């Protein structure tokens, strides 16, 4: 299965991870998930592969997250809805290979799965 990188070209860490992958001549599908948002099922599958709950994949400092009024009582389904409505709040980059995935922070983590 061809590896994927869920990439936001406006994010320096995402650009660094993609550059590292390219330096190693690894052929990956680049998914610009802001332009082509994931479906609910795809997001849930990605979380499963990461071994994360929705809270673990959210960028808490983004304005869209801060304005959403998330609390400890916010359900996983509500967090998924928020992530789908505002993909910018999803941690990036995420690298996926087969049944495994990692968040590429630091960018060198991308290579953990690929090399």
C-alpha atoms as a PDB file:
ATOM      1  CA  UNK A   1       0.000   0.000   0.000  1.00  0.00           C
ATOM      2  CA  UNK A   2       1.345   3.413  -0.999  1.00  0.00           C
ATOM      3  CA  UNK A   3       2.080   5.697   1.966  1.00  0.00           C
ATOM      4  CA  UNK A   4       0.102   8.910   2.424  1.00  0.00           C
ATOM      5  CA  UNK A   5       0.955  12.187   4.046  1.00  0.00           C
ATOM      6  CA  UNK A   6      -1.927  14.349   5.228  1.00  0.00           C
ATOM      7  CA  UNK A   7      -0.326  17.657   4.475  1.00  0.00           C
ATOM      8  CA  UNK A   8      -0.994  21.349   4.993  1.00  0.00           C
ATOM      9  CA  UNK A   9       1.434  23.312   2.798  1.00  0.00           C
ATOM     10  CA  UNK A  10       1.001  26.381   5.037  1.00  0.00           C
ATOM     11  CA  UNK A  11       2.477  24.481   8.010  1.00  0.00           C
ATOM     12  CA  UNK A  12       6.265  24.547   8.347  1.00  0.00           C
ATOM     13  CA  UNK A  13       6.403  21.161  10.117  1.00  0.00           C
ATOM     14  CA  UNK A  14       4.300  19.602   7.395  1.00  0.00           C
ATOM     15  CA  UNK A  15       6.555  21.076   4.688  1.00  0.00           C
ATOM     16  CA  UNK A  16       9.648  19.827   6.554  1.00  0.00           C
ATOM     17  CA  UNK A  17       8.238  16.303   6.864  1.00  0.00           C
ATOM     18  CA  UNK A  18       7.340  16.197   3.177  1.00  0.00           C
ATOM     19  CA  UNK A  19      10.823  17.447   2.252  1.00  0.00           C
ATOM     20  CA  UNK A  20      12.418  14.681   4.358  1.00  0.00           C
ATOM     21  CA  UNK A  21      10.256  12.069   2.670  1.00  0.00           C
ATOM     22  CA  UNK A  22      11.200  13.417  -0.752  1.00  0.00           C
ATOM     23  CA  UNK A  23      14.912  13.507   0.179  1.00  0.00           C
ATOM     24  CA  UNK A  24      14.660   9.767   0.829  1.00  0.00           C
ATOM     25  CA  UNK A  25      13.022   9.225  -2.589  1.00  0.00           C
ATOM     26  CA  UNK A  26       9.911   7.741  -0.988  1.00  0.00           C
ATOM     27  CA  UNK A  27       6.863   7.838  -3.233  1.00  0.00           C
ATOM     28  CA  UNK A  28       3.862   9.054  -1.218  1.00  0.00           C
ATOM     29  CA  UNK A  29       0.394  10.303  -1.975  1.00  0.00           C
ATOM     30  CA  UNK A  30       0.095  13.874  -0.731  1.00  0.00           C
ATOM     31  CA  UNK A  31      -3.360  14.609   0.638  1.00  0.00           C
ATOM     32  CA  UNK A  32      -3.973  18.305   1.193  1.00  0.00           C
ATOM     33  CA  UNK A  33      -6.694  17.675   3.739  1.00  0.00           C
ATOM     34  CA  UNK A  34      -7.678  21.348   3.983  1.00  0.00           C
ATOM     35  CA  UNK A  35      -8.585  21.390   0.267  1.00  0.00           C
ATOM     36  CA  UNK A  36      -9.908  17.815   0.254  1.00  0.00           C
ATOM     37  CA  UNK A  37     -11.308  17.197   3.737  1.00  0.00           C
ATOM     38  CA  UNK A  38     -11.526  13.697   5.129  1.00  0.00           C
ATOM     39  CA  UNK A  39     -14.877  12.007   5.563  1.00  0.00           C
ATOM     40  CA  UNK A  40     -16.003  11.051   9.056  1.00  0.00           C
ATOM     41  CA  UNK A  41     -15.168   7.402   8.335  1.00  0.00           C
ATOM     42  CA  UNK A  42     -11.688   8.319   7.044  1.00  0.00           C
ATOM     43  CA  UNK A  43     -10.998  10.470  10.103  1.00  0.00           C
ATOM     44  CA  UNK A  44     -12.155   7.706  12.452  1.00  0.00           C
ATOM     45  CA  UNK A  45      -9.973   5.174  10.623  1.00  0.00           C
ATOM     46  CA  UNK A  46      -6.977   7.498  10.818  1.00  0.00           C
ATOM     47  CA  UNK A  47      -7.533   7.930  14.562  1.00  0.00           C
ATOM     48  CA  UNK A  48      -7.672   4.140  14.941  1.00  0.00           C
ATOM     49  CA  UNK A  49      -4.384   3.741  13.076  1.00  0.00           C
ATOM     50  CA  UNK A  50      -2.792   6.413  15.256  1.00  0.00           C
ATOM     51  CA  UNK A  51      -4.197   4.874  18.430  1.00  0.00           C
ATOM     52  CA  UNK A  52      -5.614   8.309  19.299  1.00  0.00           C
ATOM     53  CA  UNK A  53      -8.884   9.704  20.505  1.00  0.00           C
ATOM     54  CA  UNK A  54     -10.139  12.881  18.838  1.00  0.00           C
ATOM     55  CA  UNK A  55      -8.702  15.102  21.601  1.00  0.00           C
ATOM     56  CA  UNK A  56      -5.213  13.763  20.837  1.00  0.00           C
ATOM     57  CA  UNK A  57      -5.326  14.957  17.229  1.00  0.00           C
ATOM     58  CA  UNK A  58      -6.599  18.487  17.822  1.00  0.00           C
ATOM     59  CA  UNK A  59      -4.497  21.631  17.640  1.00  0.00           C
ATOM     60  CA  UNK A  60      -5.832  23.449  20.693  1.00  0.00           C
ATOM     61  CA  UNK A  61      -4.280  26.820  19.839  1.00  0.00           C
ATOM     62  CA  UNK A  62      -6.166  27.341  16.575  1.00  0.00           C
ATOM     63  CA  UNK A  63      -8.807  30.095  16.680  1.00  0.00           C
ATOM     64  CA  UNK A  64     -11.480  27.696  15.392  1.00  0.00           C
ATOM     65  CA  UNK A  65     -10.888  25.419  18.359  1.00  0.00           C
ATOM     66  CA  UNK A  66     -10.775  28.214  20.914  1.00  0.00           C
ATOM     67  CA  UNK A  67     -14.032  29.720  19.676  1.00  0.00           C
ATOM     68  CA  UNK A  68     -15.851  26.359  19.685  1.00  0.00           C
ATOM     69  CA  UNK A  69     -16.340  26.310  23.453  1.00  0.00           C
ATOM     70  CA  UNK A  70     -14.922  22.821  23.907  1.00  0.00           C
ATOM     71  CA  UNK A  71     -14.970  21.555  27.482  1.00  0.00           C
ATOM     72  CA  UNK A  72     -14.130  18.330  29.291  1.00  0.00           C
ATOM     73  CA  UNK A  73     -17.746  17.300  28.715  1.00  0.00           C
ATOM     74  CA  UNK A  74     -17.525  17.670  24.924  1.00  0.00           C
ATOM     75  CA  UNK A  75     -18.109  14.226  23.430  1.00  0.00           C
ATOM     76  CA  UNK A  76     -15.856  12.478  20.928  1.00  0.00           C
ATOM     77  CA  UNK A  77     -18.645  12.766  18.334  1.00  0.00           C
ATOM     78  CA  UNK A  78     -18.814  16.522  18.864  1.00  0.00           C
ATOM     79  CA  UNK A  79     -15.032  16.751  18.532  1.00  0.00           C
ATOM     80  CA  UNK A  80     -15.161  14.756  15.294  1.00  0.00           C
ATOM     81  CA  UNK A  81     -17.834  17.137  13.997  1.00  0.00           C
ATOM     82  CA  UNK A  82     -15.603  20.084  14.892  1.00  0.00           C
ATOM     83  CA  UNK A  83     -12.593  18.521  13.142  1.00  0.00           C
ATOM     84  CA  UNK A  84     -14.660  17.842  10.034  1.00  0.00           C
ATOM     85  CA  UNK A  85     -16.032  21.387   9.988  1.00  0.00           C
ATOM     86  CA  UNK A  86     -12.591  22.911  10.625  1.00  0.00           C
ATOM     87  CA  UNK A  87      -9.857  20.580   9.283  1.00  0.00           C
ATOM     88  CA  UNK A  88      -7.269  23.247  10.114  1.00  0.00           C
ATOM     89  CA  UNK A  89      -7.463  22.133  13.773  1.00  0.00           C
ATOM     90  CA  UNK A  90      -6.203  18.632  12.924  1.00  0.00           C
ATOM     91  CA  UNK A  91      -2.566  17.971  13.894  1.00  0.00           C
ATOM     92  CA  UNK A  92      -0.252  17.788  10.945  1.00  0.00           C
ATOM     93  CA  UNK A  93       1.355  16.211   9.195  1.00  0.00           C
ATOM     94  CA  UNK A  94       0.016  12.697   9.590  1.00  0.00           C
ATOM     95  CA  UNK A  95       1.801   9.907   7.759  1.00  0.00           C
ATOM     96  CA  UNK A  96      -0.104   6.700   7.066  1.00  0.00           C
ATOM     97  CA  UNK A  97       1.209   3.377   5.812  1.00  0.00           C
ATOM     98  CA  UNK A  98      -1.098   0.388   5.716  1.00  0.00           C
ATOM     99  CA  UNK A  99      -2.560  -0.130   9.170  1.00  0.00           C
ATOM    100  CA  UNK A 100      -0.240   2.336  10.923  1.00  0.00           C
ATOM    101  CA  UNK A 101       0.068   6.101  11.189  1.00  0.00           C
ATOM    102  CA  UNK A 102       2.152   8.704  13.022  1.00  0.00           C
ATOM    103  CA  UNK A 103       1.976  12.436  13.551  1.00  0.00           C
ATOM    104  CA  UNK A 104       5.107  13.924  11.993  1.00  0.00           C
ATOM    105  CA  UNK A 105       6.070  16.139  14.935  1.00  0.00           C
ATOM    106  CA  UNK A 106       8.960  16.435  14.960  1.00  0.00           C
ATOM    107  CA  UNK A 107       9.161  16.024  11.162  1.00  0.00           C
ATOM    108  CA  UNK A 108      11.706  13.183  11.520  1.00  0.00           C
ATOM    109  CA  UNK A 109       8.914  10.998  12.941  1.00  0.00           C
ATOM    110  CA  UNK A 110       7.619  10.706   9.384  1.00  0.00           C
ATOM    111  CA  UNK A 111      10.605   8.521   8.597  1.00  0.00           C
ATOM    112  CA  UNK A 112       9.874   6.168  11.526  1.00  0.00           C
ATOM    113  CA  UNK A 113       7.136   4.587   9.471  1.00  0.00           C
ATOM    114  CA  UNK A 114       8.730   4.886   6.065  1.00  0.00           C
ATOM    115  CA  UNK A 115      12.381   3.886   6.385  1.00  0.00           C
END
